[in-house]
Amino acid sequence: MKSIPELVLFAKASTETEHFRPDSVKIVSGDPRQTIRNHFSDAMGQFHAGEWTGEMGEWRVEYSEQEFCLITRGVVKIRSDDGQEYTLKAGDAFVIPSGFKGYWQVLEAVHKYYVIFEPT
């Protein structure tokens, strides 16, 4: 009988919190301080899952990865280069596809769970 690997329980994870800001050339407004707690990465370095927080501000993004997000607190606005705008708040779940280019704007301090797949 094959054993099942241990589950990664976010609430019990002792993952270190990393603090950062987007590159200054990408910041449009505010001081978007951010934290990340990446609770899991696979052996190939393509699949990641964890928690992210962001403070108010706006910055440019370009996605090479595909990301599933679940907002648990706060409000963000995501605007694509072609002008589509989405305002997302606690309870909203969505996917940002690889190739997305645009802007993230945190309107109220936000917390999200994320799952990222980075194709090779």
PDB file of N, CA and C in Angstrom:
ATOM      1  N   MET A   1       0.841  -1.176   0.000  1.00  0.00           N
ATOM      2  CA  MET A   1       0.000   0.000   0.000  1.00  0.00           C
ATOM      3  C   MET A   1       0.886   1.239   0.000  1.00  0.00           C
ATOM      4  N   LYS A   2       0.624   2.126  -0.927  1.00  0.00           N
ATOM      5  CA  LYS A   2       1.414   3.354  -1.051  1.00  0.00           C
ATOM      6  C   LYS A   2       0.968   4.365   0.008  1.00  0.00           C
ATOM      7  N   SER A   3       1.939   4.992   0.659  1.00  0.00           N
ATOM      8  CA  SER A   3       1.579   5.988   1.678  1.00  0.00           C
ATOM      9  C   SER A   3       1.253   7.327   1.006  1.00  0.00           C
ATOM     10  N   ILE A   4       0.408   8.073   1.665  1.00  0.00           N
ATOM     11  CA  ILE A   4       0.003   9.393   1.182  1.00  0.00           C
ATOM     12  C   ILE A   4       0.898  10.435   1.845  1.00  0.00           C
ATOM     13  N   PRO A   5       1.456  11.377   1.069  1.00  0.00           N
ATOM     14  CA  PRO A   5       2.279  12.433   1.681  1.00  0.00           C
ATOM     15  C   PRO A   5       1.457  13.248   2.681  1.00  0.00           C
ATOM     16  N   GLU A   6       2.142  13.833   3.615  1.00  0.00           N
ATOM     17  CA  GLU A   6       1.484  14.651   4.631  1.00  0.00           C
ATOM     18  C   GLU A   6       0.838  15.882   3.992  1.00  0.00           C
ATOM     19  N   LEU A   7      -0.344  16.219   4.455  1.00  0.00           N
ATOM     20  CA  LEU A   7      -1.036  17.403   3.961  1.00  0.00           C
ATOM     21  C   LEU A   7      -0.325  18.666   4.437  1.00  0.00           C
ATOM     22  N   VAL A   8      -0.437  19.728   3.654  1.00  0.00           N
ATOM     23  CA  VAL A   8       0.094  21.034   4.033  1.00  0.00           C
ATOM     24  C   VAL A   8      -1.084  21.858   4.531  1.00  0.00           C
ATOM     25  N   LEU A   9      -1.164  22.025   5.834  1.00  0.00           N
ATOM     26  CA  LEU A   9      -2.255  22.777   6.446  1.00  0.00           C
ATOM     27  C   LEU A   9      -1.802  24.223   6.654  1.00  0.00           C
ATOM     28  N   PHE A  10      -2.382  25.141   5.903  1.00  0.00           N
ATOM     29  CA  PHE A  10      -1.958  26.538   5.964  1.00  0.00           C
ATOM     30  C   PHE A  10      -2.044  27.100   7.379  1.00  0.00           C
ATOM     31  N   ALA A  11      -3.121  26.786   8.097  1.00  0.00           N
ATOM     32  CA  ALA A  11      -3.331  27.339   9.437  1.00  0.00           C
ATOM     33  C   ALA A  11      -2.260  26.880  10.423  1.00  0.00           C
ATOM     34  N   LYS A  12      -1.631  25.741  10.152  1.00  0.00           N
ATOM     35  CA  LYS A  12      -0.614  25.212  11.064  1.00  0.00           C
ATOM     36  C   LYS A  12       0.799  25.356  10.511  1.00  0.00           C
ATOM     37  N   ALA A  13       0.933  25.925   9.329  1.00  0.00           N
ATOM     38  CA  ALA A  13       2.247  26.035   8.688  1.00  0.00           C
ATOM     39  C   ALA A  13       3.144  27.015   9.434  1.00  0.00           C
ATOM     40  N   SER A  14       4.403  26.671   9.526  1.00  0.00           N
ATOM     41  CA  SER A  14       5.383  27.556  10.176  1.00  0.00           C
ATOM     42  C   SER A  14       6.201  28.301   9.117  1.00  0.00           C
ATOM     43  N   THR A  15       5.571  28.561   7.982  1.00  0.00           N
ATOM     44  CA  THR A  15       6.219  29.237   6.863  1.00  0.00           C
ATOM     45  C   THR A  15       6.646  30.644   7.263  1.00  0.00           C
ATOM     46  N   GLU A  16       7.871  31.006   6.894  1.00  0.00           N
ATOM     47  CA  GLU A  16       8.344  32.359   7.177  1.00  0.00           C
ATOM     48  C   GLU A  16       7.637  33.359   6.269  1.00  0.00           C
ATOM     49  N   THR A  17       7.396  34.539   6.810  1.00  0.00           N
ATOM     50  CA  THR A  17       6.782  35.622   6.050  1.00  0.00           C
ATOM     51  C   THR A  17       7.873  36.429   5.369  1.00  0.00           C
ATOM     52  N   GLU A  18       7.737  36.606   4.049  1.00  0.00           N
ATOM     53  CA  GLU A  18       8.661  37.442   3.289  1.00  0.00           C
ATOM     54  C   GLU A  18       7.984  38.787   3.047  1.00  0.00           C
ATOM     55  N   HIS A  19       8.724  39.885   3.246  1.00  0.00           N
ATOM     56  CA  HIS A  19       8.224  41.233   3.026  1.00  0.00           C
ATOM     57  C   HIS A  19       8.884  41.803   1.779  1.00  0.00           C
ATOM     58  N   PHE A  20       8.105  42.475   0.937  1.00  0.00           N
ATOM     59  CA  PHE A  20       8.668  43.042  -0.279  1.00  0.00           C
ATOM     60  C   PHE A  20       7.755  44.134  -0.838  1.00  0.00           C
ATOM     61  N   ARG A  21       8.240  44.815  -1.859  1.00  0.00           N
ATOM     62  CA  ARG A  21       7.478  45.773  -2.651  1.00  0.00           C
ATOM     63  C   ARG A  21       7.752  45.444  -4.113  1.00  0.00           C
ATOM     64  N   PRO A  22       6.838  45.815  -5.012  1.00  0.00           N
ATOM     65  CA  PRO A  22       7.145  45.651  -6.436  1.00  0.00           C
ATOM     66  C   PRO A  22       8.364  46.511  -6.798  1.00  0.00           C
ATOM     67  N   ASP A  23       9.020  46.172  -7.896  1.00  0.00           N
ATOM     68  CA  ASP A  23      10.111  47.014  -8.384  1.00  0.00           C
ATOM     69  C   ASP A  23       9.613  48.440  -8.531  1.00  0.00           C
ATOM     70  N   SER A  24      10.433  49.403  -8.127  1.00  0.00           N
ATOM     71  CA  SER A  24      10.014  50.809  -8.124  1.00  0.00           C
ATOM     72  C   SER A  24       9.543  51.283  -9.498  1.00  0.00           C
ATOM     73  N   VAL A  25      10.101  50.744 -10.583  1.00  0.00           N
ATOM     74  CA  VAL A  25       9.680  51.174 -11.928  1.00  0.00           C
ATOM     75  C   VAL A  25       8.269  50.688 -12.263  1.00  0.00           C
ATOM     76  N   LYS A  26       7.755  49.705 -11.519  1.00  0.00           N
ATOM     77  CA  LYS A  26       6.415  49.183 -11.762  1.00  0.00           C
ATOM     78  C   LYS A  26       5.346  49.876 -10.916  1.00  0.00           C
ATOM     79  N   ILE A  27       5.758  50.591  -9.859  1.00  0.00           N
ATOM     80  CA  ILE A  27       4.795  51.231  -8.959  1.00  0.00           C
ATOM     81  C   ILE A  27       4.209  52.468  -9.628  1.00  0.00           C
ATOM     82  N   VAL A  28       2.882  52.520  -9.646  1.00  0.00           N
ATOM     83  CA  VAL A  28       2.145  53.652 -10.231  1.00  0.00           C
ATOM     84  C   VAL A  28       1.780  54.649  -9.140  1.00  0.00           C
ATOM     85  N   SER A  29       1.332  54.135  -7.966  1.00  0.00           N
ATOM     86  CA  SER A  29       0.941  55.023  -6.877  1.00  0.00           C
ATOM     87  C   SER A  29       1.022  54.287  -5.550  1.00  0.00           C
ATOM     88  N   GLY A  30       1.095  55.070  -4.467  1.00  0.00           N
ATOM     89  CA  GLY A  30       1.090  54.519  -3.127  1.00  0.00           C
ATOM     90  C   GLY A  30       2.393  53.848  -2.754  1.00  0.00           C
ATOM     91  N   ASP A  31       2.334  53.100  -1.671  1.00  0.00           N
ATOM     92  CA  ASP A  31       3.468  52.340  -1.158  1.00  0.00           C
ATOM     93  C   ASP A  31       2.989  50.909  -0.959  1.00  0.00           C
ATOM     94  N   PRO A  32       2.867  50.150  -2.068  1.00  0.00           N
ATOM     95  CA  PRO A  32       2.245  48.820  -1.996  1.00  0.00           C
ATOM     96  C   PRO A  32       3.132  47.760  -1.343  1.00  0.00           C
ATOM     97  N   ARG A  33       3.289  47.900  -0.014  1.00  0.00           N
ATOM     98  CA  ARG A  33       4.032  46.883   0.736  1.00  0.00           C
ATOM     99  C   ARG A  33       3.258  45.573   0.680  1.00  0.00           C
ATOM    100  N   GLN A  34       3.994  44.471   0.589  1.00  0.00           N
ATOM    101  CA  GLN A  34       3.366  43.164   0.423  1.00  0.00           C
ATOM    102  C   GLN A  34       4.084  42.119   1.268  1.00  0.00           C
ATOM    103  N   THR A  35       3.341  41.068   1.589  1.00  0.00           N
ATOM    104  CA  THR A  35       3.943  39.909   2.246  1.00  0.00           C
ATOM    105  C   THR A  35       3.510  38.666   1.494  1.00  0.00           C
ATOM    106  N   ILE A  36       4.322  37.646   1.628  1.00  0.00           N
ATOM    107  CA  ILE A  36       3.987  36.353   1.036  1.00  0.00           C
ATOM    108  C   ILE A  36       4.416  35.263   2.010  1.00  0.00           C
ATOM    109  N   ARG A  37       3.573  34.244   2.102  1.00  0.00           N
ATOM    110  CA  ARG A  37       3.902  33.025   2.853  1.00  0.00           C
ATOM    111  C   ARG A  37       3.632  31.873   1.895  1.00  0.00           C
ATOM    112  N   ASN A  38       4.668  31.447   1.202  1.00  0.00           N
ATOM    113  CA  ASN A  38       4.532  30.360   0.243  1.00  0.00           C
ATOM    114  C   ASN A  38       4.622  29.043   1.009  1.00  0.00           C
ATOM    115  N   HIS A  39       3.472  28.433   1.243  1.00  0.00           N
ATOM    116  CA  HIS A  39       3.400  27.236   2.074  1.00  0.00           C
ATOM    117  C   HIS A  39       3.804  25.962   1.338  1.00  0.00           C
ATOM    118  N   PHE A  40       3.760  26.001   0.005  1.00  0.00           N
ATOM    119  CA  PHE A  40       4.068  24.777  -0.740  1.00  0.00           C
ATOM    120  C   PHE A  40       4.617  25.109  -2.119  1.00  0.00           C
ATOM    121  N   SER A  41       5.657  24.412  -2.516  1.00  0.00           N
ATOM    122  CA  SER A  41       6.167  24.417  -3.894  1.00  0.00           C
ATOM    123  C   SER A  41       6.490  22.977  -4.247  1.00  0.00           C
ATOM    124  N   ASP A  42       6.148  22.570  -5.450  1.00  0.00           N
ATOM    125  CA  ASP A  42       6.451  21.194  -5.844  1.00  0.00           C
ATOM    126  C   ASP A  42       7.929  21.050  -6.190  1.00  0.00           C
ATOM    127  N   ALA A  43       8.362  19.814  -6.356  1.00  0.00           N
ATOM    128  CA  ALA A  43       9.774  19.520  -6.627  1.00  0.00           C
ATOM    129  C   ALA A  43      10.251  20.115  -7.950  1.00  0.00           C
ATOM    130  N   MET A  44       9.341  20.313  -8.900  1.00  0.00           N
ATOM    131  CA  MET A  44       9.702  20.872 -10.209  1.00  0.00           C
ATOM    132  C   MET A  44       9.779  22.405 -10.181  1.00  0.00           C
ATOM    133  N   GLY A  45       9.273  23.031  -9.111  1.00  0.00           N
ATOM    134  CA  GLY A  45       9.277  24.487  -9.017  1.00  0.00           C
ATOM    135  C   GLY A  45       8.252  25.153  -9.929  1.00  0.00           C
ATOM    136  N   GLN A  46       7.203  24.407 -10.285  1.00  0.00           N
ATOM    137  CA  GLN A  46       6.179  24.940 -11.191  1.00  0.00           C
ATOM    138  C   GLN A  46       4.860  25.235 -10.488  1.00  0.00           C
ATOM    139  N   PHE A  47       4.605  24.594  -9.357  1.00  0.00           N
ATOM    140  CA  PHE A  47       3.332  24.703  -8.664  1.00  0.00           C
ATOM    141  C   PHE A  47       3.578  25.253  -7.266  1.00  0.00           C
ATOM    142  N   HIS A  48       2.849  26.317  -6.899  1.00  0.00           N
ATOM    143  CA  HIS A  48       3.049  26.979  -5.609  1.00  0.00           C
ATOM    144  C   HIS A  48       1.697  27.326  -5.009  1.00  0.00           C
ATOM    145  N   ALA A  49       1.630  27.348  -3.683  1.00  0.00           N
ATOM    146  CA  ALA A  49       0.393  27.724  -3.001  1.00  0.00           C
ATOM    147  C   ALA A  49       0.742  28.402  -1.683  1.00  0.00           C
ATOM    148  N   GLY A  50      -0.043  29.423  -1.351  1.00  0.00           N
ATOM    149  CA  GLY A  50       0.212  30.132  -0.110  1.00  0.00           C
ATOM    150  C   GLY A  50      -0.720  31.302   0.092  1.00  0.00           C
ATOM    151  N   GLU A  51      -0.217  32.276   0.869  1.00  0.00           N
ATOM    152  CA  GLU A  51      -0.988  33.461   1.225  1.00  0.00           C
ATOM    153  C   GLU A  51      -0.200  34.715   0.874  1.00  0.00           C
ATOM    154  N   TRP A  52      -0.934  35.750   0.487  1.00  0.00           N
ATOM    155  CA  TRP A  52      -0.335  37.030   0.099  1.00  0.00           C
ATOM    156  C   TRP A  52      -1.149  38.147   0.717  1.00  0.00           C
ATOM    157  N   THR A  53      -0.481  39.204   1.167  1.00  0.00           N
ATOM    158  CA  THR A  53      -1.168  40.410   1.613  1.00  0.00           C
ATOM    159  C   THR A  53      -0.590  41.601   0.873  1.00  0.00           C
ATOM    160  N   GLY A  54      -1.412  42.625   0.720  1.00  0.00           N
ATOM    161  CA  GLY A  54      -0.959  43.843   0.053  1.00  0.00           C
ATOM    162  C   GLY A  54      -1.576  45.071   0.693  1.00  0.00           C
ATOM    163  N   GLU A  55      -0.768  46.133   0.760  1.00  0.00           N
ATOM    164  CA  GLU A  55      -1.225  47.432   1.260  1.00  0.00           C
ATOM    165  C   GLU A  55      -1.620  48.305   0.076  1.00  0.00           C
ATOM    166  N   MET A  56      -2.268  49.418   0.361  1.00  0.00           N
ATOM    167  CA  MET A  56      -2.812  50.271  -0.697  1.00  0.00           C
ATOM    168  C   MET A  56      -1.714  50.793  -1.628  1.00  0.00           C
ATOM    169  N   GLY A  57      -2.025  50.731  -2.905  1.00  0.00           N
ATOM    170  CA  GLY A  57      -1.129  51.194  -3.944  1.00  0.00           C
ATOM    171  C   GLY A  57      -1.479  50.515  -5.253  1.00  0.00           C
ATOM    172  N   GLU A  58      -0.794  50.916  -6.313  1.00  0.00           N
ATOM    173  CA  GLU A  58      -1.032  50.346  -7.643  1.00  0.00           C
ATOM    174  C   GLU A  58       0.304  50.084  -8.316  1.00  0.00           C
ATOM    175  N   TRP A  59       0.375  48.961  -9.049  1.00  0.00           N
ATOM    176  CA  TRP A  59       1.607  48.600  -9.752  1.00  0.00           C
ATOM    177  C   TRP A  59       1.282  47.803 -11.006  1.00  0.00           C
ATOM    178  N   ARG A  60       2.232  47.807 -11.906  1.00  0.00           N
ATOM    179  CA  ARG A  60       2.137  47.101 -13.190  1.00  0.00           C
ATOM    180  C   ARG A  60       2.445  45.624 -12.984  1.00  0.00           C
ATOM    181  N   VAL A  61       1.693  44.750 -13.696  1.00  0.00           N
ATOM    182  CA  VAL A  61       1.932  43.307 -13.636  1.00  0.00           C
ATOM    183  C   VAL A  61       1.971  42.726 -15.048  1.00  0.00           C
ATOM    184  N   GLU A  62       2.746  41.673 -15.201  1.00  0.00           N
ATOM    185  CA  GLU A  62       2.799  40.874 -16.432  1.00  0.00           C
ATOM    186  C   GLU A  62       2.952  39.428 -15.994  1.00  0.00           C
ATOM    187  N   TYR A  63       1.952  38.610 -16.283  1.00  0.00           N
ATOM    188  CA  TYR A  63       1.904  37.234 -15.786  1.00  0.00           C
ATOM    189  C   TYR A  63       2.480  36.242 -16.801  1.00  0.00           C
ATOM    190  N   SER A  64       3.494  35.495 -16.384  1.00  0.00           N
ATOM    191  CA  SER A  64       3.957  34.342 -17.161  1.00  0.00           C
ATOM    192  C   SER A  64       3.330  33.077 -16.576  1.00  0.00           C
ATOM    193  N   GLU A  65       2.871  33.171 -15.333  1.00  0.00           N
ATOM    194  CA  GLU A  65       2.236  32.066 -14.634  1.00  0.00           C
ATOM    195  C   GLU A  65       0.718  32.155 -14.758  1.00  0.00           C
ATOM    196  N   GLN A  66       0.045  31.086 -14.323  1.00  0.00           N
ATOM    197  CA  GLN A  66      -1.409  31.087 -14.188  1.00  0.00           C
ATOM    198  C   GLN A  66      -1.682  31.065 -12.688  1.00  0.00           C
ATOM    199  N   GLU A  67      -2.581  31.943 -12.237  1.00  0.00           N
ATOM    200  CA  GLU A  67      -2.802  32.067 -10.796  1.00  0.00           C
ATOM    201  C   GLU A  67      -4.282  32.029 -10.455  1.00  0.00           C
ATOM    202  N   PHE A  68      -4.617  31.149  -9.515  1.00  0.00           N
ATOM    203  CA  PHE A  68      -5.942  31.131  -8.901  1.00  0.00           C
ATOM    204  C   PHE A  68      -5.846  31.958  -7.624  1.00  0.00           C
ATOM    205  N   CYS A  69      -6.819  32.830  -7.393  1.00  0.00           N
ATOM    206  CA  CYS A  69      -6.840  33.682  -6.202  1.00  0.00           C
ATOM    207  C   CYS A  69      -8.180  33.571  -5.500  1.00  0.00           C
ATOM    208  N   LEU A  70      -8.154  33.616  -4.182  1.00  0.00           N
ATOM    209  CA  LEU A  70      -9.355  33.736  -3.364  1.00  0.00           C
ATOM    210  C   LEU A  70      -9.110  34.883  -2.401  1.00  0.00           C
ATOM    211  N   ILE A  71      -9.842  35.976  -2.584  1.00  0.00           N
ATOM    212  CA  ILE A  71      -9.709  37.140  -1.710  1.00  0.00           C
ATOM    213  C   ILE A  71     -10.474  36.844  -0.416  1.00  0.00           C
ATOM    214  N   THR A  72      -9.809  37.004   0.722  1.00  0.00           N
ATOM    215  CA  THR A  72     -10.470  36.754   2.012  1.00  0.00           C
ATOM    216  C   THR A  72     -10.694  38.044   2.799  1.00  0.00           C
ATOM    217  N   ARG A  73     -10.004  39.110   2.412  1.00  0.00           N
ATOM    218  CA  ARG A  73     -10.135  40.389   3.106  1.00  0.00           C
ATOM    219  C   ARG A  73      -9.708  41.494   2.155  1.00  0.00           C
ATOM    220  N   GLY A  74     -10.414  42.631   2.190  1.00  0.00           N
ATOM    221  CA  GLY A  74     -10.008  43.794   1.438  1.00  0.00           C
ATOM    222  C   GLY A  74     -10.647  43.889   0.066  1.00  0.00           C
ATOM    223  N   VAL A  75     -10.161  44.877  -0.705  1.00  0.00           N
ATOM    224  CA  VAL A  75     -10.698  45.155  -2.035  1.00  0.00           C
ATOM    225  C   VAL A  75      -9.547  45.478  -2.976  1.00  0.00           C
ATOM    226  N   VAL A  76      -9.565  44.875  -4.177  1.00  0.00           N
ATOM    227  CA  VAL A  76      -8.580  45.176  -5.215  1.00  0.00           C
ATOM    228  C   VAL A  76      -9.296  45.500  -6.518  1.00  0.00           C
ATOM    229  N   LYS A  77      -8.610  46.265  -7.351  1.00  0.00           N
ATOM    230  CA  LYS A  77      -9.075  46.500  -8.712  1.00  0.00           C
ATOM    231  C   LYS A  77      -7.975  45.995  -9.633  1.00  0.00           C
ATOM    232  N   ILE A  78      -8.357  45.171 -10.586  1.00  0.00           N
ATOM    233  CA  ILE A  78      -7.408  44.667 -11.580  1.00  0.00           C
ATOM    234  C   ILE A  78      -7.856  45.207 -12.927  1.00  0.00           C
ATOM    235  N   ARG A  79      -6.924  45.846 -13.635  1.00  0.00           N
ATOM    236  CA  ARG A  79      -7.241  46.447 -14.926  1.00  0.00           C
ATOM    237  C   ARG A  79      -6.286  45.899 -15.976  1.00  0.00           C
ATOM    238  N   SER A  80      -6.843  45.385 -17.065  1.00  0.00           N
ATOM    239  CA  SER A  80      -6.014  44.843 -18.144  1.00  0.00           C
ATOM    240  C   SER A  80      -5.601  45.969 -19.089  1.00  0.00           C
ATOM    241  N   ASP A  81      -4.554  45.721 -19.858  1.00  0.00           N
ATOM    242  CA  ASP A  81      -4.085  46.713 -20.829  1.00  0.00           C
ATOM    243  C   ASP A  81      -5.141  47.052 -21.869  1.00  0.00           C
ATOM    244  N   ASP A  82      -6.091  46.137 -22.119  1.00  0.00           N
ATOM    245  CA  ASP A  82      -7.134  46.430 -23.112  1.00  0.00           C
ATOM    246  C   ASP A  82      -8.340  47.145 -22.492  1.00  0.00           C
ATOM    247  N   GLY A  83      -8.211  47.552 -21.197  1.00  0.00           N
ATOM    248  CA  GLY A  83      -9.240  48.382 -20.585  1.00  0.00           C
ATOM    249  C   GLY A  83     -10.279  47.671 -19.738  1.00  0.00           C
ATOM    250  N   GLN A  84     -10.259  46.343 -19.681  1.00  0.00           N
ATOM    251  CA  GLN A  84     -11.218  45.644 -18.821  1.00  0.00           C
ATOM    252  C   GLN A  84     -10.828  45.872 -17.368  1.00  0.00           C
ATOM    253  N   GLU A  85     -11.846  46.138 -16.519  1.00  0.00           N
ATOM    254  CA  GLU A  85     -11.603  46.396 -15.106  1.00  0.00           C
ATOM    255  C   GLU A  85     -12.449  45.473 -14.248  1.00  0.00           C
ATOM    256  N   TYR A  86     -11.849  44.974 -13.183  1.00  0.00           N
ATOM    257  CA  TYR A  86     -12.533  44.088 -12.253  1.00  0.00           C
ATOM    258  C   TYR A  86     -12.280  44.584 -10.838  1.00  0.00           C
ATOM    259  N   THR A  87     -13.335  44.790 -10.068  1.00  0.00           N
ATOM    260  CA  THR A  87     -13.198  45.109  -8.656  1.00  0.00           C
ATOM    261  C   THR A  87     -13.561  43.851  -7.887  1.00  0.00           C
ATOM    262  N   LEU A  88     -12.629  43.385  -7.060  1.00  0.00           N
ATOM    263  CA  LEU A  88     -12.767  42.102  -6.370  1.00  0.00           C
ATOM    264  C   LEU A  88     -12.637  42.310  -4.871  1.00  0.00           C
ATOM    265  N   LYS A  89     -13.458  41.585  -4.117  1.00  0.00           N
ATOM    266  CA  LYS A  89     -13.490  41.755  -2.665  1.00  0.00           C
ATOM    267  C   LYS A  89     -13.563  40.393  -1.980  1.00  0.00           C
ATOM    268  N   ALA A  90     -13.590  40.434  -0.658  1.00  0.00           N
ATOM    269  CA  ALA A  90     -13.629  39.204   0.132  1.00  0.00           C
ATOM    270  C   ALA A  90     -14.720  38.269  -0.380  1.00  0.00           C
ATOM    271  N   GLY A  91     -14.328  37.010  -0.607  1.00  0.00           N
ATOM    272  CA  GLY A  91     -15.243  35.992  -1.115  1.00  0.00           C
ATOM    273  C   GLY A  91     -15.114  35.750  -2.604  1.00  0.00           C
ATOM    274  N   ASP A  92     -14.477  36.671  -3.325  1.00  0.00           N
ATOM    275  CA  ASP A  92     -14.319  36.507  -4.770  1.00  0.00           C
ATOM    276  C   ASP A  92     -13.155  35.566  -5.082  1.00  0.00           C
ATOM    277  N   ALA A  93     -13.396  34.637  -5.992  1.00  0.00           N
ATOM    278  CA  ALA A  93     -12.377  33.696  -6.467  1.00  0.00           C
ATOM    279  C   ALA A  93     -12.256  33.880  -7.970  1.00  0.00           C
ATOM    280  N   PHE A  94     -11.024  33.835  -8.494  1.00  0.00           N
ATOM    281  CA  PHE A  94     -10.809  34.086  -9.914  1.00  0.00           C
ATOM    282  C   PHE A  94      -9.457  33.522 -10.347  1.00  0.00           C
ATOM    283  N   VAL A  95      -9.274  33.436 -11.661  1.00  0.00           N
ATOM    284  CA  VAL A  95      -8.011  32.989 -12.250  1.00  0.00           C
ATOM    285  C   VAL A  95      -7.473  34.103 -13.128  1.00  0.00           C
ATOM    286  N   ILE A  96      -6.197  34.385 -12.976  1.00  0.00           N
ATOM    287  CA  ILE A  96      -5.489  35.293 -13.873  1.00  0.00           C
ATOM    288  C   ILE A  96      -4.669  34.405 -14.802  1.00  0.00           C
ATOM    289  N   PRO A  97      -4.968  34.429 -16.112  1.00  0.00           N
ATOM    290  CA  PRO A  97      -4.268  33.537 -17.033  1.00  0.00           C
ATOM    291  C   PRO A  97      -2.870  34.036 -17.384  1.00  0.00           C
ATOM    292  N   SER A  98      -2.040  33.101 -17.774  1.00  0.00           N
ATOM    293  CA  SER A  98      -0.715  33.426 -18.282  1.00  0.00           C
ATOM    294  C   SER A  98      -0.866  34.389 -19.452  1.00  0.00           C
ATOM    295  N   GLY A  99      -0.015  35.393 -19.507  1.00  0.00           N
ATOM    296  CA  GLY A  99      -0.071  36.380 -20.587  1.00  0.00           C
ATOM    297  C   GLY A  99      -0.808  37.646 -20.211  1.00  0.00           C
ATOM    298  N   PHE A 100      -1.499  37.659 -19.044  1.00  0.00           N
ATOM    299  CA  PHE A 100      -2.216  38.863 -18.618  1.00  0.00           C
ATOM    300  C   PHE A 100      -1.227  39.995 -18.373  1.00  0.00           C
ATOM    301  N   LYS A 101      -1.564  41.179 -18.886  1.00  0.00           N
ATOM    302  CA  LYS A 101      -0.762  42.382 -18.651  1.00  0.00           C
ATOM    303  C   LYS A 101      -1.705  43.488 -18.226  1.00  0.00           C
ATOM    304  N   GLY A 102      -1.311  44.201 -17.186  1.00  0.00           N
ATOM    305  CA  GLY A 102      -2.151  45.280 -16.709  1.00  0.00           C
ATOM    306  C   GLY A 102      -1.678  45.803 -15.374  1.00  0.00           C
ATOM    307  N   TYR A 103      -2.656  46.069 -14.476  1.00  0.00           N
ATOM    308  CA  TYR A 103      -2.364  46.721 -13.205  1.00  0.00           C
ATOM    309  C   TYR A 103      -3.162  46.086 -12.069  1.00  0.00           C
ATOM    310  N   TRP A 104      -2.510  45.958 -10.931  1.00  0.00           N
ATOM    311  CA  TRP A 104      -3.162  45.612  -9.663  1.00  0.00           C
ATOM    312  C   TRP A 104      -3.240  46.894  -8.855  1.00  0.00           C
ATOM    313  N   GLN A 105      -4.405  47.168  -8.277  1.00  0.00           N
ATOM    314  CA  GLN A 105      -4.556  48.306  -7.377  1.00  0.00           C
ATOM    315  C   GLN A 105      -5.260  47.819  -6.113  1.00  0.00           C
ATOM    316  N   VAL A 106      -4.613  47.981  -4.972  1.00  0.00           N
ATOM    317  CA  VAL A 106      -5.211  47.621  -3.691  1.00  0.00           C
ATOM    318  C   VAL A 106      -5.938  48.856  -3.170  1.00  0.00           C
ATOM    319  N   LEU A 107      -7.264  48.733  -3.027  1.00  0.00           N
ATOM    320  CA  LEU A 107      -8.092  49.834  -2.548  1.00  0.00           C
ATOM    321  C   LEU A 107      -8.271  49.783  -1.033  1.00  0.00           C
ATOM    322  N   GLU A 108      -8.309  48.574  -0.481  1.00  0.00           N
ATOM    323  CA  GLU A 108      -8.339  48.328   0.969  1.00  0.00           C
ATOM    324  C   GLU A 108      -7.390  47.168   1.228  1.00  0.00           C
ATOM    325  N   ALA A 109      -6.596  47.263   2.281  1.00  0.00           N
ATOM    326  CA  ALA A 109      -5.610  46.214   2.587  1.00  0.00           C
ATOM    327  C   ALA A 109      -6.228  44.838   2.336  1.00  0.00           C
ATOM    328  N   VAL A 110      -5.484  44.000   1.619  1.00  0.00           N
ATOM    329  CA  VAL A 110      -6.049  42.749   1.108  1.00  0.00           C
ATOM    330  C   VAL A 110      -5.240  41.528   1.565  1.00  0.00           C
ATOM    331  N   HIS A 111      -5.958  40.417   1.719  1.00  0.00           N
ATOM    332  CA  HIS A 111      -5.352  39.109   1.960  1.00  0.00           C
ATOM    333  C   HIS A 111      -5.959  38.160   0.938  1.00  0.00           C
ATOM    334  N   LYS A 112      -5.120  37.338   0.339  1.00  0.00           N
ATOM    335  CA  LYS A 112      -5.636  36.323  -0.585  1.00  0.00           C
ATOM    336  C   LYS A 112      -4.870  35.032  -0.381  1.00  0.00           C
ATOM    337  N   TYR A 113      -5.551  33.929  -0.719  1.00  0.00           N
ATOM    338  CA  TYR A 113      -4.901  32.647  -0.905  1.00  0.00           C
ATOM    339  C   TYR A 113      -4.630  32.532  -2.396  1.00  0.00           C
ATOM    340  N   TYR A 114      -3.502  31.938  -2.747  1.00  0.00           N
ATOM    341  CA  TYR A 114      -3.166  31.780  -4.161  1.00  0.00           C
ATOM    342  C   TYR A 114      -2.683  30.367  -4.445  1.00  0.00           C
ATOM    343  N   VAL A 115      -2.873  29.982  -5.703  1.00  0.00           N
ATOM    344  CA  VAL A 115      -2.302  28.766  -6.261  1.00  0.00           C
ATOM    345  C   VAL A 115      -1.742  29.180  -7.614  1.00  0.00           C
ATOM    346  N   ILE A 116      -0.467  28.929  -7.832  1.00  0.00           N
ATOM    347  CA  ILE A 116       0.209  29.363  -9.061  1.00  0.00           C
ATOM    348  C   ILE A 116       0.758  28.138  -9.785  1.00  0.00           C
ATOM    349  N   PHE A 117       0.572  28.136 -11.095  1.00  0.00           N
ATOM    350  CA  PHE A 117       1.224  27.149 -11.959  1.00  0.00           C
ATOM    351  C   PHE A 117       2.050  27.914 -12.967  1.00  0.00           C
ATOM    352  N   GLU A 118       3.349  27.636 -13.005  1.00  0.00           N
ATOM    353  CA  GLU A 118       4.289  28.287 -13.916  1.00  0.00           C
ATOM    354  C   GLU A 118       4.741  27.267 -14.943  1.00  0.00           C
ATOM    355  N   PRO A 119       4.166  27.312 -16.165  1.00  0.00           N
ATOM    356  CA  PRO A 119       4.583  26.326 -17.169  1.00  0.00           C
ATOM    357  C   PRO A 119       6.043  26.515 -17.570  1.00  0.00           C
ATOM    358  N   THR A 120       6.691  25.409 -17.971  1.00  0.00           N
ATOM    359  CA  THR A 120       8.094  25.511 -18.402  1.00  0.00           C
ATOM    360  C   THR A 120       8.185  25.901 -19.845  1.00  0.00           C
TER     361      THR A 120
END
